Amino acid sequence: MRYRGRAVTDEEVVFIRQFIAQNSGDSRWMLSRKLCRVWGWVQPNGALRDMVCRGLMLQLARAGQIDLPPIRVRIVNPLVHRKKPSWVEIDQTPLEGKLSDLGPIELCQVRRTDAEALFNSLIQQYHYLGYCQSVGEQLKYIVFAKKRPIACLAWSSAPRHIGDRDRFIGWTKTFREKNLSLIACNTRFLILPWVRVSCLASYILGKMVKVLPKDWERLYHHPLYYLETFVDQERFHGTCYRAANWLTIGQTTGRGKNDQTGKANRSLKDVLGYPLCKDFRDHLCGGQA
């Protein structure tokens, strides 16, 4: 059996079975946390991978390999009934002119801060895709000029498999599964509609690539070596990314990650990448690039 790319051996199944028997009074939640500690199954920032562990045990139970204790408390997934971000009123006075007219520009990481609600609201109101709660590692930024928000950017964990990206990096499946966390994906980029300043988007991207890796490592305790994004060909040309020295790597297949038909069912997107250092392939490919 494999779970999330990890092979589960017969010896591990026997160990889990014995572990459950030795801790028969524990709930599923407690068992998963204890098992993570025994296995040293933690994220780079030290947090236990207990949700992944519970998923593994549930799959083994469904396959008849182990017996789990009865469910004690049914936890409702808060994402199922999540409300849309509330409307936040802000100054919409037009900002036009040259980049130099804006004065100093500040990129503020707002995830888990009081300003996160403002970020969520702006994305929901003004980005064509609206707001979507990301999972996994993620950071959110509001860009300010003279204390006014002018742009928003969201970054999250990279998709598991993008053909053209993986070929460009040149890593094997093993190293992709091991080092995927060393890539971050730009999932949202919004210049607020009343802000019309030439070259602003590419300027923000240029500042972003210097700020993001430091914030990411401070929060998640591991570096980033590569950034990526996807540009909808039916809507945009990706000019600001290319002006900021992002590379056009290829394009998506137009199929979702759970596609079973092999046929395109959504718009094609250009795949763009930004190596954060010259030897990014060595870091991502385990020195075998």
Protein backbone atom coordinates (compact mmCIF):
# COMPACT_ATOMS: atom_id res chain seq x y z
CA MET A 1 0.00 0.00 0.00
CA ARG A 2 1.07 3.57 -0.71
CA TYR A 3 -0.26 6.66 1.00
CA ARG A 4 0.63 10.13 -0.32
CA GLY A 5 3.63 8.69 -2.10
CA ARG A 6 4.87 6.83 0.97
CA ALA A 7 5.19 3.05 0.87
CA VAL A 8 3.61 1.37 3.89
CA THR A 9 5.35 -1.92 4.71
CA ASP A 10 3.85 -5.01 6.30
CA GLU A 11 6.10 -4.44 9.32
CA GLU A 12 4.69 -0.94 9.79
CA VAL A 13 1.11 -2.25 9.58
CA VAL A 14 1.92 -4.82 12.28
CA PHE A 15 3.51 -2.10 14.40
CA ILE A 16 0.43 0.14 14.08
CA ARG A 17 -1.82 -2.77 14.98
CA GLN A 18 0.21 -3.52 18.11
CA PHE A 19 0.47 0.21 18.93
CA ILE A 20 -3.33 0.54 18.91
CA ALA A 21 -3.66 -2.51 21.16
CA GLN A 22 -1.13 -1.08 23.63
CA ASN A 23 -3.02 2.23 23.73
CA SER A 24 -6.53 0.84 23.63
CA GLY A 25 -8.00 3.64 25.74
CA ASP A 26 -6.88 6.40 23.39
CA SER A 27 -9.01 8.18 20.82
CA ARG A 28 -8.08 8.24 17.15
CA TRP A 29 -6.80 11.81 17.61
CA MET A 30 -4.52 10.79 20.48
CA LEU A 31 -3.30 7.68 18.67
CA SER A 32 -2.26 9.68 15.61
CA ARG A 33 -0.35 12.22 17.71
CA LYS A 34 1.43 9.53 19.70
CA LEU A 35 2.32 7.60 16.54
CA CYS A 36 3.77 10.77 14.98
CA ARG A 37 6.02 11.22 17.99
CA VAL A 38 7.19 7.60 17.87
CA TRP A 39 7.95 7.82 14.15
CA GLY A 40 9.32 11.36 14.30
CA TRP A 41 6.70 12.30 11.75
CA VAL A 42 6.82 16.11 11.91
CA GLN A 43 6.73 19.09 9.57
CA PRO A 44 9.88 21.20 9.06
CA ASN A 45 8.51 23.71 11.61
CA GLY A 46 8.17 20.97 14.25
CA ALA A 47 4.38 20.53 14.07
CA LEU A 48 3.12 16.94 14.13
CA ARG A 49 1.73 15.49 10.89
CA ASP A 50 -1.17 14.07 12.85
CA MET A 51 -3.86 14.75 10.22
CA VAL A 52 -1.83 12.89 7.60
CA CYS A 53 -1.28 10.09 10.11
CA ARG A 54 -5.01 9.85 10.82
CA GLY A 55 -5.65 9.67 7.09
CA LEU A 56 -3.20 6.79 6.79
CA MET A 57 -4.78 4.88 9.67
CA LEU A 58 -8.24 5.44 8.21
CA GLN A 59 -7.13 4.03 4.86
CA LEU A 60 -5.61 1.00 6.58
CA ALA A 61 -8.83 0.49 8.53
CA ARG A 62 -10.94 0.66 5.37
CA ALA A 63 -8.63 -1.93 3.79
CA GLY A 64 -9.21 -4.22 6.77
CA GLN A 65 -5.56 -4.02 7.90
CA ILE A 66 -6.20 -2.48 11.34
CA ASP A 67 -9.10 -1.87 13.72
CA LEU A 68 -9.58 1.69 14.94
CA PRO A 69 -11.43 2.66 18.12
CA PRO A 70 -14.96 4.04 17.65
CA ILE A 71 -15.31 7.70 16.76
CA ARG A 72 -15.89 9.69 19.93
CA VAL A 73 -16.47 13.17 18.52
CA ARG A 74 -17.43 14.04 14.97
CA ILE A 75 -15.55 17.20 14.03
CA VAL A 76 -17.27 19.35 11.42
CA ASN A 77 -14.89 20.56 8.75
CA PRO A 78 -15.00 24.38 9.05
CA LEU A 79 -14.13 24.74 5.34
CA VAL A 80 -17.41 23.09 4.31
CA HIS A 81 -19.58 25.90 5.66
CA ARG A 82 -17.05 28.72 5.52
CA LYS A 83 -18.64 32.12 4.98
CA LYS A 84 -17.38 34.43 2.28
CA PRO A 85 -15.14 37.21 3.56
CA SER A 86 -17.04 40.25 4.77
CA TRP A 87 -17.02 43.46 2.78
CA VAL A 88 -14.43 45.93 4.03
CA GLU A 89 -14.72 49.59 3.03
CA ILE A 90 -11.48 51.27 1.95
CA ASP A 91 -10.46 54.46 0.19
CA GLN A 92 -11.04 54.02 -3.56
CA THR A 93 -9.71 57.38 -4.68
CA PRO A 94 -7.96 56.73 -8.03
CA LEU A 95 -4.19 56.39 -7.91
CA GLU A 96 -2.63 57.18 -11.26
CA GLY A 97 0.69 58.41 -12.56
CA LYS A 98 4.26 57.27 -12.37
CA LEU A 99 5.73 54.64 -10.09
CA SER A 100 7.86 57.30 -8.40
CA ASP A 101 4.69 59.21 -7.45
CA LEU A 102 3.63 56.44 -5.07
CA GLY A 103 6.57 56.93 -2.75
CA PRO A 104 7.93 54.02 -0.67
CA ILE A 105 6.08 50.73 -1.20
CA GLU A 106 5.70 48.31 1.72
CA LEU A 107 4.99 44.56 1.40
CA CYS A 108 3.28 43.33 4.58
CA GLN A 109 2.80 39.63 5.35
CA VAL A 110 -0.69 39.55 6.91
CA ARG A 111 -1.53 35.88 7.44
CA ARG A 112 -2.49 35.31 11.09
CA THR A 113 -2.59 39.05 11.70
CA ASP A 114 -5.43 41.54 12.18
CA ALA A 115 -5.03 42.62 8.55
CA GLU A 116 -5.80 39.15 7.15
CA ALA A 117 -9.53 39.94 7.01
CA LEU A 118 -8.77 42.93 4.78
CA PHE A 119 -6.73 40.74 2.44
CA ASN A 120 -9.50 38.13 2.23
CA SER A 121 -12.10 40.82 1.55
CA LEU A 122 -10.11 42.51 -1.21
CA ILE A 123 -9.44 39.21 -3.00
CA GLN A 124 -13.10 38.22 -2.73
CA GLN A 125 -14.33 41.56 -4.07
CA TYR A 126 -11.84 42.37 -6.80
CA HIS A 127 -10.01 39.23 -8.00
CA TYR A 128 -11.78 37.40 -10.83
CA LEU A 129 -11.31 34.04 -9.07
CA GLY A 130 -12.54 35.33 -5.71
CA TYR A 131 -11.24 34.16 -2.36
CA CYS A 132 -10.40 30.51 -1.70
CA GLN A 133 -8.91 29.21 1.53
CA SER A 134 -5.62 27.50 0.72
CA VAL A 135 -4.36 24.43 2.53
CA GLY A 136 -0.83 23.62 3.54
CA GLU A 137 1.93 26.19 3.78
CA GLN A 138 0.83 29.65 2.69
CA LEU A 139 1.51 33.37 3.08
CA LYS A 140 -0.57 36.43 2.26
CA TYR A 141 0.68 39.93 1.45
CA ILE A 142 -0.90 43.35 1.18
CA VAL A 143 1.13 46.00 -0.62
CA PHE A 144 0.80 49.51 0.81
CA ALA A 145 1.70 52.91 -0.62
CA LYS A 146 1.32 55.89 1.71
CA LYS A 147 -0.57 53.56 4.09
CA ARG A 148 -3.16 52.73 1.41
CA PRO A 149 -3.52 49.13 0.12
CA ILE A 150 -2.76 48.95 -3.58
CA ALA A 151 -2.21 45.23 -4.25
CA CYS A 152 -2.49 41.72 -2.78
CA LEU A 153 -0.49 38.53 -3.36
CA ALA A 154 -1.10 35.00 -2.09
CA TRP A 155 1.47 32.19 -2.01
CA SER A 156 0.91 28.54 -1.17
CA SER A 157 2.35 25.06 -1.49
CA ALA A 158 3.07 23.99 -5.07
CA PRO A 159 0.86 21.52 -7.01
CA ARG A 160 2.13 17.94 -6.82
CA HIS A 161 2.71 17.41 -10.54
CA ILE A 162 3.05 19.86 -13.42
CA GLY A 163 4.58 18.13 -16.43
CA ASP A 164 6.44 21.05 -18.04
CA ARG A 165 7.70 22.30 -14.68
CA ASP A 166 8.97 18.88 -13.65
CA ARG A 167 10.78 18.44 -16.95
CA PHE A 168 12.31 21.92 -16.65
CA ILE A 169 13.62 21.14 -13.16
CA GLY A 170 14.71 17.66 -14.22
CA TRP A 171 13.94 15.93 -10.95
CA THR A 172 12.87 12.33 -10.50
CA LYS A 173 9.56 11.36 -8.93
CA THR A 174 11.40 10.53 -5.70
CA PHE A 175 12.99 13.95 -5.42
CA ARG A 176 9.78 15.69 -6.48
CA GLU A 177 7.90 14.03 -3.64
CA LYS A 178 10.70 14.79 -1.21
CA ASN A 179 11.43 18.41 -2.21
CA LEU A 180 8.10 19.78 -3.44
CA SER A 181 7.85 21.89 -0.28
CA LEU A 182 10.87 23.87 -1.50
CA ILE A 183 8.65 25.48 -4.17
CA ALA A 184 5.99 28.13 -3.56
CA CYS A 185 3.17 28.99 -5.95
CA ASN A 186 1.72 32.46 -6.54
CA THR A 187 -2.01 31.68 -6.48
CA ARG A 188 -3.36 35.25 -6.44
CA PHE A 189 -1.99 38.58 -7.66
CA LEU A 190 -4.31 41.58 -7.57
CA ILE A 191 -3.66 45.21 -8.38
CA LEU A 192 -6.72 47.05 -7.03
CA PRO A 193 -8.83 48.36 -9.93
CA TRP A 194 -8.53 52.06 -9.03
CA VAL A 195 -4.70 51.82 -9.07
CA ARG A 196 -3.31 52.55 -12.54
CA VAL A 197 0.44 52.99 -12.33
CA SER A 198 2.74 51.89 -15.15
CA CYS A 199 5.20 49.07 -14.29
CA LEU A 200 3.76 48.69 -10.77
CA ALA A 201 3.00 44.96 -11.09
CA SER A 202 6.48 43.97 -12.26
CA TYR A 203 8.04 46.25 -9.63
CA ILE A 204 6.06 44.51 -6.87
CA LEU A 205 7.11 41.10 -8.19
CA GLY A 206 10.74 42.21 -8.13
CA LYS A 207 10.47 43.20 -4.46
CA MET A 208 8.43 40.10 -3.64
CA VAL A 209 11.10 37.57 -4.62
CA LYS A 210 13.44 39.15 -2.07
CA VAL A 211 10.93 39.26 0.79
CA LEU A 212 9.05 35.96 0.38
CA PRO A 213 11.92 33.45 0.95
CA LYS A 214 12.90 35.11 4.25
CA ASP A 215 9.32 35.18 5.55
CA TRP A 216 8.72 31.59 4.42
CA GLU A 217 11.81 30.25 6.17
CA ARG A 218 11.02 32.20 9.32
CA LEU A 219 7.55 30.65 9.55
CA TYR A 220 8.08 27.17 8.10
CA HIS A 221 11.76 26.60 8.92
CA HIS A 222 12.83 25.53 5.44
CA PRO A 223 14.08 27.48 2.40
CA LEU A 224 12.52 28.10 -0.99
CA TYR A 225 14.52 27.63 -4.17
CA TYR A 226 11.92 28.15 -6.88
CA LEU A 227 8.66 30.05 -7.44
CA GLU A 228 5.92 29.34 -9.95
CA THR A 229 2.60 30.69 -11.15
CA PHE A 230 -0.05 29.99 -13.79
CA VAL A 231 -1.43 32.58 -16.20
CA ASP A 232 -4.84 31.99 -17.80
CA GLN A 233 -4.23 32.36 -21.56
CA GLU A 234 -7.85 33.42 -22.16
CA ARG A 235 -7.51 36.44 -19.86
CA PHE A 236 -3.89 37.56 -19.54
CA HIS A 237 -0.51 37.61 -21.27
CA GLY A 238 1.65 37.45 -18.14
CA THR A 239 3.54 40.57 -19.22
CA CYS A 240 4.31 41.75 -15.69
CA TYR A 241 5.86 38.38 -14.78
CA ARG A 242 8.05 38.31 -17.86
CA ALA A 243 9.08 41.91 -17.24
CA ALA A 244 10.15 40.79 -13.75
CA ASN A 245 12.38 38.07 -15.29
CA TRP A 246 10.06 35.11 -14.76
CA LEU A 247 10.58 32.32 -17.30
CA THR A 248 7.90 30.77 -19.50
CA ILE A 249 8.26 27.04 -18.83
CA GLY A 250 5.33 25.64 -20.81
CA GLN A 251 1.61 25.24 -20.29
CA THR A 252 -0.85 23.11 -18.40
CA THR A 253 -2.86 20.35 -20.04
CA GLY A 254 -6.24 21.88 -19.14
CA ARG A 255 -7.09 18.91 -16.91
CA GLY A 256 -7.61 18.94 -13.17
CA LYS A 257 -5.58 16.84 -10.75
CA ASN A 258 -8.40 14.30 -10.42
CA ASP A 259 -9.11 14.00 -14.14
CA GLN A 260 -10.12 10.53 -15.30
CA THR A 261 -10.96 11.31 -18.95
CA GLY A 262 -7.62 12.52 -20.33
CA LYS A 263 -9.43 15.43 -22.00
CA ALA A 264 -9.10 19.17 -21.33
CA ASN A 265 -11.97 20.49 -19.21
CA ARG A 266 -10.70 23.97 -18.29
CA SER A 267 -8.72 26.82 -19.80
CA LEU A 268 -5.04 26.32 -20.60
CA LYS A 269 -2.56 28.24 -18.47
CA ASP A 270 1.00 29.30 -19.14
CA VAL A 271 3.42 27.89 -16.59
CA LEU A 272 5.92 30.49 -15.41
CA GLY A 273 8.84 29.93 -13.05
CA TYR A 274 11.38 31.97 -11.13
CA PRO A 275 14.55 30.25 -9.82
CA LEU A 276 15.64 31.91 -6.58
CA CYS A 277 19.29 30.89 -7.02
CA LYS A 278 21.55 29.66 -9.81
CA ASP A 279 21.96 26.17 -8.32
CA PHE A 280 18.23 25.64 -7.69
CA ARG A 281 18.31 22.34 -9.57
CA ASP A 282 21.01 20.95 -7.27
CA HIS A 283 18.83 21.74 -4.26
CA LEU A 284 15.65 20.33 -5.79
CA CYS A 285 17.26 17.28 -7.40
CA GLY A 286 19.43 16.22 -4.48
CA GLY A 287 22.66 17.29 -6.20
CA GLN A 288 21.96 15.04 -9.19
CA ALA A 289 20.96 17.73 -11.68
